[in-house]
mmCIF file of all heavy atoms, coordinates in Angstrom:
data_MODEL
# 
_entry.id   MODEL 
# 
loop_
_atom_site.group_PDB 
_atom_site.id 
_atom_site.type_symbol 
_atom_site.label_atom_id 
_atom_site.label_alt_id 
_atom_site.label_comp_id 
_atom_site.label_asym_id 
_atom_site.label_entity_id 
_atom_site.label_seq_id 
_atom_site.pdbx_PDB_ins_code 
_atom_site.Cartn_x 
_atom_site.Cartn_y 
_atom_site.Cartn_z 
_atom_site.occupancy 
_atom_site.B_iso_or_equiv 
_atom_site.pdbx_formal_charge 
_atom_site.auth_seq_id 
_atom_site.auth_comp_id 
_atom_site.auth_asym_id 
_atom_site.auth_atom_id 
_atom_site.pdbx_PDB_model_num 
ATOM 1   N N   . LEU A 1 1  ? -20.446 158.886 -125.939 1.00 0.00 ? 1  LEU A N   1 
ATOM 2   C CA  . LEU A 1 1  ? -20.319 157.908 -124.847 1.00 0.00 ? 1  LEU A CA  1 
ATOM 3   C C   . LEU A 1 1  ? -18.903 157.353 -124.842 1.00 0.00 ? 1  LEU A C   1 
ATOM 4   O O   . LEU A 1 1  ? -18.282 157.107 -123.731 1.00 0.00 ? 1  LEU A O   1 
ATOM 5   C CB  . LEU A 1 1  ? -21.357 156.750 -125.019 1.00 0.00 ? 1  LEU A CB  1 
ATOM 6   C CG  . LEU A 1 1  ? -22.838 157.188 -124.622 1.00 0.00 ? 1  LEU A CG  1 
ATOM 7   C CD1 . LEU A 1 1  ? -23.654 155.946 -124.879 1.00 0.00 ? 1  LEU A CD1 1 
ATOM 8   C CD2 . LEU A 1 1  ? -22.903 157.646 -123.211 1.00 0.00 ? 1  LEU A CD2 1 
ATOM 9   N N   . ALA A 1 2  ? -18.383 157.233 -125.925 1.00 0.00 ? 2  ALA A N   1 
ATOM 10  C CA  . ALA A 1 2  ? -16.886 156.739 -126.052 1.00 0.00 ? 2  ALA A CA  1 
ATOM 11  C C   . ALA A 1 2  ? -15.987 157.658 -125.458 1.00 0.00 ? 2  ALA A C   1 
ATOM 12  O O   . ALA A 1 2  ? -14.986 157.470 -124.712 1.00 0.00 ? 2  ALA A O   1 
ATOM 13  C CB  . ALA A 1 2  ? -16.587 156.451 -127.481 1.00 0.00 ? 2  ALA A CB  1 
ATOM 14  N N   . ILE A 1 3  ? -16.225 159.051 -125.809 1.00 0.00 ? 3  ILE A N   1 
ATOM 15  C CA  . ILE A 1 3  ? -15.370 160.072 -125.264 1.00 0.00 ? 3  ILE A CA  1 
ATOM 16  C C   . ILE A 1 3  ? -15.574 160.161 -123.683 1.00 0.00 ? 3  ILE A C   1 
ATOM 17  O O   . ILE A 1 3  ? -14.513 160.379 -123.057 1.00 0.00 ? 3  ILE A O   1 
ATOM 18  C CB  . ILE A 1 3  ? -15.825 161.487 -125.833 1.00 0.00 ? 3  ILE A CB  1 
ATOM 19  C CG1 . ILE A 1 3  ? -15.440 161.506 -127.278 1.00 0.00 ? 3  ILE A CG1 1 
ATOM 20  C CG2 . ILE A 1 3  ? -15.204 162.666 -125.097 1.00 0.00 ? 3  ILE A CG2 1 
ATOM 21  C CD1 . ILE A 1 3  ? -15.932 162.656 -128.093 1.00 0.00 ? 3  ILE A CD1 1 
ATOM 22  N N   . ALA A 1 4  ? -16.728 159.970 -123.134 1.00 0.00 ? 4  ALA A N   1 
ATOM 23  C CA  . ALA A 1 4  ? -16.939 159.991 -121.791 1.00 0.00 ? 4  ALA A CA  1 
ATOM 24  C C   . ALA A 1 4  ? -16.129 158.914 -121.097 1.00 0.00 ? 4  ALA A C   1 
ATOM 25  O O   . ALA A 1 4  ? -15.531 159.077 -120.042 1.00 0.00 ? 4  ALA A O   1 
ATOM 26  C CB  . ALA A 1 4  ? -18.460 159.927 -121.432 1.00 0.00 ? 4  ALA A CB  1 
ATOM 27  N N   . GLY A 1 5  ? -16.108 157.769 -121.677 1.00 0.00 ? 5  GLY A N   1 
ATOM 28  C CA  . GLY A 1 5  ? -15.380 156.635 -121.170 1.00 0.00 ? 5  GLY A CA  1 
ATOM 29  C C   . GLY A 1 5  ? -13.863 156.917 -121.095 1.00 0.00 ? 5  GLY A C   1 
ATOM 30  O O   . GLY A 1 5  ? -13.171 156.616 -120.138 1.00 0.00 ? 5  GLY A O   1 
ATOM 31  N N   . VAL A 1 6  ? -13.377 157.540 -122.175 1.00 0.00 ? 6  VAL A N   1 
ATOM 32  C CA  . VAL A 1 6  ? -11.902 157.829 -122.189 1.00 0.00 ? 6  VAL A CA  1 
ATOM 33  C C   . VAL A 1 6  ? -11.567 158.925 -121.158 1.00 0.00 ? 6  VAL A C   1 
ATOM 34  O O   . VAL A 1 6  ? -10.674 158.796 -120.396 1.00 0.00 ? 6  VAL A O   1 
ATOM 35  C CB  . VAL A 1 6  ? -11.522 158.346 -123.558 1.00 0.00 ? 6  VAL A CB  1 
ATOM 36  C CG1 . VAL A 1 6  ? -10.160 158.967 -123.588 1.00 0.00 ? 6  VAL A CG1 1 
ATOM 37  C CG2 . VAL A 1 6  ? -11.634 157.312 -124.645 1.00 0.00 ? 6  VAL A CG2 1 
ATOM 38  N N   . LEU A 1 7  ? -12.507 159.919 -120.956 1.00 0.00 ? 7  LEU A N   1 
ATOM 39  C CA  . LEU A 1 7  ? -12.228 160.951 -120.008 1.00 0.00 ? 7  LEU A CA  1 
ATOM 40  C C   . LEU A 1 7  ? -12.183 160.390 -118.597 1.00 0.00 ? 7  LEU A C   1 
ATOM 41  O O   . LEU A 1 7  ? -11.354 160.737 -117.645 1.00 0.00 ? 7  LEU A O   1 
ATOM 42  C CB  . LEU A 1 7  ? -13.377 161.945 -120.041 1.00 0.00 ? 7  LEU A CB  1 
ATOM 43  C CG  . LEU A 1 7  ? -13.399 162.850 -121.371 1.00 0.00 ? 7  LEU A CG  1 
ATOM 44  C CD1 . LEU A 1 7  ? -14.584 163.736 -121.464 1.00 0.00 ? 7  LEU A CD1 1 
ATOM 45  C CD2 . LEU A 1 7  ? -12.062 163.759 -121.346 1.00 0.00 ? 7  LEU A CD2 1 
ATOM 46  N N   . LEU A 1 8  ? -13.175 159.418 -118.273 1.00 0.00 ? 8  LEU A N   1 
ATOM 47  C CA  . LEU A 1 8  ? -13.160 158.753 -117.019 1.00 0.00 ? 8  LEU A CA  1 
ATOM 48  C C   . LEU A 1 8  ? -11.934 157.910 -116.741 1.00 0.00 ? 8  LEU A C   1 
ATOM 49  O O   . LEU A 1 8  ? -11.327 157.901 -115.601 1.00 0.00 ? 8  LEU A O   1 
ATOM 50  C CB  . LEU A 1 8  ? -14.432 157.934 -116.856 1.00 0.00 ? 8  LEU A CB  1 
ATOM 51  C CG  . LEU A 1 8  ? -15.694 158.777 -116.743 1.00 0.00 ? 8  LEU A CG  1 
ATOM 52  C CD1 . LEU A 1 8  ? -16.955 157.755 -116.803 1.00 0.00 ? 8  LEU A CD1 1 
ATOM 53  C CD2 . LEU A 1 8  ? -15.829 159.565 -115.459 1.00 0.00 ? 8  LEU A CD2 1 
ATOM 54  N N   . LEU A 1 9  ? -11.483 157.231 -117.715 1.00 0.00 ? 9  LEU A N   1 
ATOM 55  C CA  . LEU A 1 9  ? -10.237 156.393 -117.669 1.00 0.00 ? 9  LEU A CA  1 
ATOM 56  C C   . LEU A 1 9  ? -9.033  157.272 -117.354 1.00 0.00 ? 9  LEU A C   1 
ATOM 57  O O   . LEU A 1 9  ? -8.200  156.934 -116.532 1.00 0.00 ? 9  LEU A O   1 
ATOM 58  C CB  . LEU A 1 9  ? -10.069 155.662 -118.952 1.00 0.00 ? 9  LEU A CB  1 
ATOM 59  C CG  . LEU A 1 9  ? -8.814  154.609 -118.980 1.00 0.00 ? 9  LEU A CG  1 
ATOM 60  C CD1 . LEU A 1 9  ? -8.937  153.632 -117.835 1.00 0.00 ? 9  LEU A CD1 1 
ATOM 61  C CD2 . LEU A 1 9  ? -8.778  154.004 -120.262 1.00 0.00 ? 9  LEU A CD2 1 
ATOM 62  N N   . VAL A 1 10 ? -8.912  158.448 -118.012 1.00 0.00 ? 10 VAL A N   1 
ATOM 63  C CA  . VAL A 1 10 ? -7.769  159.286 -117.856 1.00 0.00 ? 10 VAL A CA  1 
ATOM 64  C C   . VAL A 1 10 ? -7.869  159.921 -116.503 1.00 0.00 ? 10 VAL A C   1 
ATOM 65  O O   . VAL A 1 10 ? -6.788  160.102 -115.789 1.00 0.00 ? 10 VAL A O   1 
ATOM 66  C CB  . VAL A 1 10 ? -7.749  160.445 -118.957 1.00 0.00 ? 10 VAL A CB  1 
ATOM 67  C CG1 . VAL A 1 10 ? -6.717  161.441 -118.675 1.00 0.00 ? 10 VAL A CG1 1 
ATOM 68  C CG2 . VAL A 1 10 ? -7.548  159.855 -120.307 1.00 0.00 ? 10 VAL A CG2 1 
ATOM 69  N N   . ALA A 1 11 ? -9.037  160.200 -116.009 1.00 0.00 ? 11 ALA A N   1 
ATOM 70  C CA  . ALA A 1 11 ? -9.181  160.765 -114.669 1.00 0.00 ? 11 ALA A CA  1 
ATOM 71  C C   . ALA A 1 11 ? -8.644  159.758 -113.627 1.00 0.00 ? 11 ALA A C   1 
ATOM 72  O O   . ALA A 1 11 ? -8.002  160.210 -112.570 1.00 0.00 ? 11 ALA A O   1 
ATOM 73  C CB  . ALA A 1 11 ? -10.662 161.179 -114.352 1.00 0.00 ? 11 ALA A CB  1 
ATOM 74  N N   . LEU A 1 12 ? -9.006  158.585 -113.785 1.00 0.00 ? 12 LEU A N   1 
ATOM 75  C CA  . LEU A 1 12 ? -8.570  157.478 -112.840 1.00 0.00 ? 12 LEU A CA  1 
ATOM 76  C C   . LEU A 1 12 ? -7.060  157.377 -112.892 1.00 0.00 ? 12 LEU A C   1 
ATOM 77  O O   . LEU A 1 12 ? -6.393  157.200 -111.773 1.00 0.00 ? 12 LEU A O   1 
ATOM 78  C CB  . LEU A 1 12 ? -9.296  156.100 -113.264 1.00 0.00 ? 12 LEU A CB  1 
ATOM 79  C CG  . LEU A 1 12 ? -8.844  154.941 -112.464 1.00 0.00 ? 12 LEU A CG  1 
ATOM 80  C CD1 . LEU A 1 12 ? -9.154  155.098 -110.974 1.00 0.00 ? 12 LEU A CD1 1 
ATOM 81  C CD2 . LEU A 1 12 ? -9.394  153.590 -112.979 1.00 0.00 ? 12 LEU A CD2 1 
ATOM 82  N N   . THR A 1 13 ? -6.505  157.440 -114.087 1.00 0.00 ? 13 THR A N   1 
ATOM 83  C CA  . THR A 1 13 ? -5.015  157.353 -114.222 1.00 0.00 ? 13 THR A CA  1 
ATOM 84  C C   . THR A 1 13 ? -4.351  158.542 -113.447 1.00 0.00 ? 13 THR A C   1 
ATOM 85  O O   . THR A 1 13 ? -3.389  158.238 -112.789 1.00 0.00 ? 13 THR A O   1 
ATOM 86  C CB  . THR A 1 13 ? -4.622  157.395 -115.767 1.00 0.00 ? 13 THR A CB  1 
ATOM 87  O OG1 . THR A 1 13 ? -5.291  156.367 -116.405 1.00 0.00 ? 13 THR A OG1 1 
ATOM 88  C CG2 . THR A 1 13 ? -3.092  157.298 -115.903 1.00 0.00 ? 13 THR A CG2 1 
ATOM 89  N N   . PHE A 1 14 ? -4.836  159.756 -113.613 1.00 0.00 ? 14 PHE A N   1 
ATOM 90  C CA  . PHE A 1 14 ? -4.314  160.866 -112.945 1.00 0.00 ? 14 PHE A CA  1 
ATOM 91  C C   . PHE A 1 14 ? -4.403  160.724 -111.402 1.00 0.00 ? 14 PHE A C   1 
ATOM 92  O O   . PHE A 1 14 ? -3.592  161.155 -110.694 1.00 0.00 ? 14 PHE A O   1 
ATOM 93  C CB  . PHE A 1 14 ? -5.075  162.127 -113.385 1.00 0.00 ? 14 PHE A CB  1 
ATOM 94  C CG  . PHE A 1 14 ? -4.337  162.802 -114.520 1.00 0.00 ? 14 PHE A CG  1 
ATOM 95  C CD1 . PHE A 1 14 ? -4.698  162.566 -115.808 1.00 0.00 ? 14 PHE A CD1 1 
ATOM 96  C CD2 . PHE A 1 14 ? -3.251  163.734 -114.413 1.00 0.00 ? 14 PHE A CD2 1 
ATOM 97  C CE1 . PHE A 1 14 ? -4.154  163.209 -116.868 1.00 0.00 ? 14 PHE A CE1 1 
ATOM 98  C CE2 . PHE A 1 14 ? -2.621  164.331 -115.396 1.00 0.00 ? 14 PHE A CE2 1 
ATOM 99  C CZ  . PHE A 1 14 ? -3.018  164.115 -116.713 1.00 0.00 ? 14 PHE A CZ  1 
ATOM 100 N N   . ARG A 1 15 ? -5.507  160.105 -110.975 1.00 0.00 ? 15 ARG A N   1 
ATOM 101 C CA  . ARG A 1 15 ? -5.789  159.946 -109.567 1.00 0.00 ? 15 ARG A CA  1 
ATOM 102 C C   . ARG A 1 15 ? -4.657  158.948 -109.062 1.00 0.00 ? 15 ARG A C   1 
ATOM 103 O O   . ARG A 1 15 ? -4.255  159.009 -107.839 1.00 0.00 ? 15 ARG A O   1 
ATOM 104 C CB  . ARG A 1 15 ? -7.182  159.294 -109.335 1.00 0.00 ? 15 ARG A CB  1 
ATOM 105 C CG  . ARG A 1 15 ? -7.447  158.952 -107.871 1.00 0.00 ? 15 ARG A CG  1 
ATOM 106 C CD  . ARG A 1 15 ? -7.514  160.314 -107.027 1.00 0.00 ? 15 ARG A CD  1 
ATOM 107 N NE  . ARG A 1 15 ? -7.826  159.848 -105.612 1.00 0.00 ? 15 ARG A NE  1 
ATOM 108 C CZ  . ARG A 1 15 ? -6.926  159.641 -104.727 1.00 0.00 ? 15 ARG A CZ  1 
ATOM 109 N NH1 . ARG A 1 15 ? -5.567  159.535 -105.093 1.00 0.00 ? 15 ARG A NH1 1 
ATOM 110 N NH2 . ARG A 1 15 ? -7.229  159.343 -103.462 1.00 0.00 ? 15 ARG A NH2 1 
ATOM 111 N N   . LEU A 1 16 ? -4.263  157.986 -109.768 1.00 0.00 ? 16 LEU A N   1 
ATOM 112 C CA  . LEU A 1 16 ? -3.366  156.877 -109.261 1.00 0.00 ? 16 LEU A CA  1 
ATOM 113 C C   . LEU A 1 16 ? -1.874  157.455 -109.424 1.00 0.00 ? 16 LEU A C   1 
ATOM 114 O O   . LEU A 1 16 ? -1.005  156.819 -108.679 1.00 0.00 ? 16 LEU A O   1 
ATOM 115 C CB  . LEU A 1 16 ? -3.588  155.648 -110.064 1.00 0.00 ? 16 LEU A CB  1 
ATOM 116 C CG  . LEU A 1 16 ? -4.934  154.969 -109.854 1.00 0.00 ? 16 LEU A CG  1 
ATOM 117 C CD1 . LEU A 1 16 ? -4.999  153.743 -110.769 1.00 0.00 ? 16 LEU A CD1 1 
ATOM 118 C CD2 . LEU A 1 16 ? -5.173  154.667 -108.442 1.00 0.00 ? 16 LEU A CD2 1 
ATOM 119 N N   . VAL A 1 17 ? -1.565  158.302 -110.266 1.00 0.00 ? 17 VAL A N   1 
ATOM 120 C CA  . VAL A 1 17 ? -0.216  158.711 -110.541 1.00 0.00 ? 17 VAL A CA  1 
ATOM 121 C C   . VAL A 1 17 ? 0.223   159.942 -109.605 1.00 0.00 ? 17 VAL A C   1 
ATOM 122 O O   . VAL A 1 17 ? -0.526  160.811 -109.402 1.00 0.00 ? 17 VAL A O   1 
ATOM 123 C CB  . VAL A 1 17 ? 0.073   159.100 -111.965 1.00 0.00 ? 17 VAL A CB  1 
ATOM 124 C CG1 . VAL A 1 17 ? 1.431   159.765 -112.192 1.00 0.00 ? 17 VAL A CG1 1 
ATOM 125 C CG2 . VAL A 1 17 ? -0.122  157.907 -112.848 1.00 0.00 ? 17 VAL A CG2 1 
ATOM 126 N N   . HIS A 1 18 ? 1.398   159.767 -109.097 1.00 0.00 ? 18 HIS A N   1 
ATOM 127 C CA  . HIS A 1 18 ? 1.983   160.786 -108.222 1.00 0.00 ? 18 HIS A CA  1 
ATOM 128 C C   . HIS A 1 18 ? 2.485   162.013 -109.064 1.00 0.00 ? 18 HIS A C   1 
ATOM 129 O O   . HIS A 1 18 ? 3.302   161.804 -109.944 1.00 0.00 ? 18 HIS A O   1 
ATOM 130 C CB  . HIS A 1 18 ? 3.132   160.332 -107.316 1.00 0.00 ? 18 HIS A CB  1 
ATOM 131 C CG  . HIS A 1 18 ? 3.779   161.398 -106.557 1.00 0.00 ? 18 HIS A CG  1 
ATOM 132 N ND1 . HIS A 1 18 ? 3.175   162.070 -105.472 1.00 0.00 ? 18 HIS A ND1 1 
ATOM 133 C CD2 . HIS A 1 18 ? 5.030   161.958 -106.636 1.00 0.00 ? 18 HIS A CD2 1 
ATOM 134 C CE1 . HIS A 1 18 ? 4.073   162.921 -104.990 1.00 0.00 ? 18 HIS A CE1 1 
ATOM 135 N NE2 . HIS A 1 18 ? 5.154   162.879 -105.684 1.00 0.00 ? 18 HIS A NE2 1 
ATOM 136 N N   . PHE A 1 19 ? 1.956   163.245 -108.821 1.00 0.00 ? 19 PHE A N   1 
ATOM 137 C CA  . PHE A 1 19 ? 2.494   164.429 -109.431 1.00 0.00 ? 19 PHE A CA  1 
ATOM 138 C C   . PHE A 1 19 ? 3.695   165.109 -108.699 1.00 0.00 ? 19 PHE A C   1 
ATOM 139 O O   . PHE A 1 19 ? 3.624   165.154 -107.511 1.00 0.00 ? 19 PHE A O   1 
ATOM 140 C CB  . PHE A 1 19 ? 1.374   165.500 -109.525 1.00 0.00 ? 19 PHE A CB  1 
ATOM 141 C CG  . PHE A 1 19 ? 0.701   165.577 -110.811 1.00 0.00 ? 19 PHE A CG  1 
ATOM 142 C CD1 . PHE A 1 19 ? 0.403   164.427 -111.591 1.00 0.00 ? 19 PHE A CD1 1 
ATOM 143 C CD2 . PHE A 1 19 ? 0.335   166.735 -111.383 1.00 0.00 ? 19 PHE A CD2 1 
ATOM 144 C CE1 . PHE A 1 19 ? -0.262  164.459 -112.744 1.00 0.00 ? 19 PHE A CE1 1 
ATOM 145 C CE2 . PHE A 1 19 ? -0.236  166.898 -112.570 1.00 0.00 ? 19 PHE A CE2 1 
ATOM 146 C CZ  . PHE A 1 19 ? -0.612  165.671 -113.320 1.00 0.00 ? 19 PHE A CZ  1 
ATOM 147 N N   . PRO A 1 20 ? 4.743   165.422 -109.390 1.00 0.00 ? 20 PRO A N   1 
ATOM 148 C CA  . PRO A 1 20 ? 5.812   166.095 -108.708 1.00 0.00 ? 20 PRO A CA  1 
ATOM 149 C C   . PRO A 1 20 ? 5.277   167.440 -108.272 1.00 0.00 ? 20 PRO A C   1 
ATOM 150 O O   . PRO A 1 20 ? 4.658   168.234 -108.942 1.00 0.00 ? 20 PRO A O   1 
ATOM 151 C CB  . PRO A 1 20 ? 6.832   166.317 -109.769 1.00 0.00 ? 20 PRO A CB  1 
ATOM 152 C CG  . PRO A 1 20 ? 6.140   166.195 -111.044 1.00 0.00 ? 20 PRO A CG  1 
ATOM 153 C CD  . PRO A 1 20 ? 5.013   165.220 -110.818 1.00 0.00 ? 20 PRO A CD  1 
ATOM 154 N N   . PRO A 1 21 ? 5.520   167.876 -106.995 1.00 0.00 ? 21 PRO A N   1 
ATOM 155 C CA  . PRO A 1 21 ? 5.114   169.237 -106.460 1.00 0.00 ? 21 PRO A CA  1 
ATOM 156 C C   . PRO A 1 21 ? 5.725   170.349 -107.135 1.00 0.00 ? 21 PRO A C   1 
ATOM 157 O O   . PRO A 1 21 ? 7.007   170.139 -107.625 1.00 0.00 ? 21 PRO A O   1 
ATOM 158 C CB  . PRO A 1 21 ? 5.321   169.197 -105.036 1.00 0.00 ? 21 PRO A CB  1 
ATOM 159 C CG  . PRO A 1 21 ? 6.527   168.112 -104.923 1.00 0.00 ? 21 PRO A CG  1 
ATOM 160 C CD  . PRO A 1 21 ? 6.324   167.189 -106.028 1.00 0.00 ? 21 PRO A CD  1 
ATOM 161 N N   . VAL A 1 22 ? 5.273   171.535 -107.258 1.00 0.00 ? 22 VAL A N   1 
ATOM 162 C CA  . VAL A 1 22 ? 5.891   172.702 -107.702 1.00 0.00 ? 22 VAL A CA  1 
ATOM 163 C C   . VAL A 1 22 ? 5.864   173.802 -106.667 1.00 0.00 ? 22 VAL A C   1 
ATOM 164 O O   . VAL A 1 22 ? 4.899   173.810 -105.783 1.00 0.00 ? 22 VAL A O   1 
ATOM 165 C CB  . VAL A 1 22 ? 5.163   173.263 -109.029 1.00 0.00 ? 22 VAL A CB  1 
ATOM 166 C CG1 . VAL A 1 22 ? 5.261   172.331 -110.119 1.00 0.00 ? 22 VAL A CG1 1 
ATOM 167 C CG2 . VAL A 1 22 ? 3.696   173.530 -108.677 1.00 0.00 ? 22 VAL A CG2 1 
ATOM 168 N N   . GLN A 1 23 ? 6.837   174.547 -106.676 1.00 0.00 ? 23 GLN A N   1 
ATOM 169 C CA  . GLN A 1 23 ? 6.916   175.627 -105.624 1.00 0.00 ? 23 GLN A CA  1 
ATOM 170 C C   . GLN A 1 23 ? 5.799   176.560 -105.803 1.00 0.00 ? 23 GLN A C   1 
ATOM 171 O O   . GLN A 1 23 ? 5.320   176.964 -106.932 1.00 0.00 ? 23 GLN A O   1 
ATOM 172 C CB  . GLN A 1 23 ? 8.259   176.389 -105.820 1.00 0.00 ? 23 GLN A CB  1 
ATOM 173 C CG  . GLN A 1 23 ? 9.533   175.510 -105.510 1.00 0.00 ? 23 GLN A CG  1 
ATOM 174 C CD  . GLN A 1 23 ? 10.768  176.226 -105.806 1.00 0.00 ? 23 GLN A CD  1 
ATOM 175 O OE1 . GLN A 1 23 ? 10.757  177.427 -106.238 1.00 0.00 ? 23 GLN A OE1 1 
ATOM 176 N NE2 . GLN A 1 23 ? 11.953  175.625 -105.596 1.00 0.00 ? 23 GLN A NE2 1 
ATOM 177 N N   . GLU A 1 24 ? 5.230   177.101 -104.705 1.00 0.00 ? 24 GLU A N   1 
ATOM 178 C CA  . GLU A 1 24 ? 4.165   178.049 -104.600 1.00 0.00 ? 24 GLU A CA  1 
ATOM 179 C C   . GLU A 1 24 ? 2.835   177.545 -105.150 1.00 0.00 ? 24 GLU A C   1 
ATOM 180 O O   . GLU A 1 24 ? 1.961   178.306 -105.500 1.00 0.00 ? 24 GLU A O   1 
ATOM 181 C CB  . GLU A 1 24 ? 4.578   179.403 -105.374 1.00 0.00 ? 24 GLU A CB  1 
ATOM 182 C CG  . GLU A 1 24 ? 5.762   179.959 -104.674 1.00 0.00 ? 24 GLU A CG  1 
ATOM 183 C CD  . GLU A 1 24 ? 6.086   181.287 -105.383 1.00 0.00 ? 24 GLU A CD  1 
ATOM 184 O OE1 . GLU A 1 24 ? 5.393   181.641 -106.425 1.00 0.00 ? 24 GLU A OE1 1 
ATOM 185 O OE2 . GLU A 1 24 ? 6.947   182.038 -104.873 1.00 0.00 ? 24 GLU A OE2 1 
ATOM 186 N N   . GLU A 1 25 ? 2.712   176.123 -105.359 1.00 0.00 ? 25 GLU A N   1 
ATOM 187 C CA  . GLU A 1 25 ? 1.467   175.574 -105.934 1.00 0.00 ? 25 GLU A CA  1 
ATOM 188 C C   . GLU A 1 25 ? 0.338   175.718 -104.961 1.00 0.00 ? 25 GLU A C   1 
ATOM 189 O O   . GLU A 1 25 ? -0.772  176.073 -105.385 1.00 0.00 ? 25 GLU A O   1 
ATOM 190 C CB  . GLU A 1 25 ? 1.633   174.115 -106.257 1.00 0.00 ? 25 GLU A CB  1 
ATOM 191 C CG  . GLU A 1 25 ? 0.439   173.627 -106.936 1.00 0.00 ? 25 GLU A CG  1 
ATOM 192 C CD  . GLU A 1 25 ? 0.677   172.092 -107.345 1.00 0.00 ? 25 GLU A CD  1 
ATOM 193 O OE1 . GLU A 1 25 ? 1.619   171.472 -106.967 1.00 0.00 ? 25 GLU A OE1 1 
ATOM 194 O OE2 . GLU A 1 25 ? -0.207  171.509 -107.936 1.00 0.00 ? 25 GLU A OE2 1 
ATOM 195 N N   . HIS A 1 26 ? 0.535   175.650 -103.693 1.00 0.00 ? 26 HIS A N   1 
ATOM 196 C CA  . HIS A 1 26 ? -0.495  175.850 -102.707 1.00 0.00 ? 26 HIS A CA  1 
ATOM 197 C C   . HIS A 1 26 ? -0.355  177.302 -102.187 1.00 0.00 ? 26 HIS A C   1 
ATOM 198 O O   . HIS A 1 26 ? 0.548   178.032 -102.395 1.00 0.00 ? 26 HIS A O   1 
ATOM 199 C CB  . HIS A 1 26 ? -0.367  174.885 -101.598 1.00 0.00 ? 26 HIS A CB  1 
ATOM 200 C CG  . HIS A 1 26 ? -0.436  173.480 -102.018 1.00 0.00 ? 26 HIS A CG  1 
ATOM 201 N ND1 . HIS A 1 26 ? -1.622  172.852 -102.296 1.00 0.00 ? 26 HIS A ND1 1 
ATOM 202 C CD2 . HIS A 1 26 ? 0.539   172.590 -102.267 1.00 0.00 ? 26 HIS A CD2 1 
ATOM 203 C CE1 . HIS A 1 26 ? -1.347  171.566 -102.661 1.00 0.00 ? 26 HIS A CE1 1 
ATOM 204 N NE2 . HIS A 1 26 ? -0.059  171.393 -102.675 1.00 0.00 ? 26 HIS A NE2 1 
ATOM 205 N N   . GLY A 1 27 ? -1.448  177.684 -101.505 1.00 0.00 ? 27 GLY A N   1 
ATOM 206 C CA  . GLY A 1 27 ? -1.382  179.026 -100.883 1.00 0.00 ? 27 GLY A CA  1 
ATOM 207 C C   . GLY A 1 27 ? -2.743  179.557 -100.604 1.00 0.00 ? 27 GLY A C   1 
ATOM 208 O O   . GLY A 1 27 ? -2.901  180.786 -100.676 1.00 0.00 ? 27 GLY A O   1 
ATOM 209 N N   . GLY A 1 28 ? -3.726  178.737 -100.361 1.00 0.00 ? 28 GLY A N   1 
ATOM 210 C CA  . GLY A 1 28 ? -5.054  179.209 -99.970  1.00 0.00 ? 28 GLY A CA  1 
ATOM 211 C C   . GLY A 1 28 ? -5.742  179.911 -101.065 1.00 0.00 ? 28 GLY A C   1 
ATOM 212 O O   . GLY A 1 28 ? -5.852  179.399 -102.163 1.00 0.00 ? 28 GLY A O   1 
# 
């Protein structure tokens, strides 16, 4: 349960932080 809490907290952090784009990252 503690691991689950940490995973959810990290997911929220990633949601809030802007990722620098990389070339060719998108493409269908």
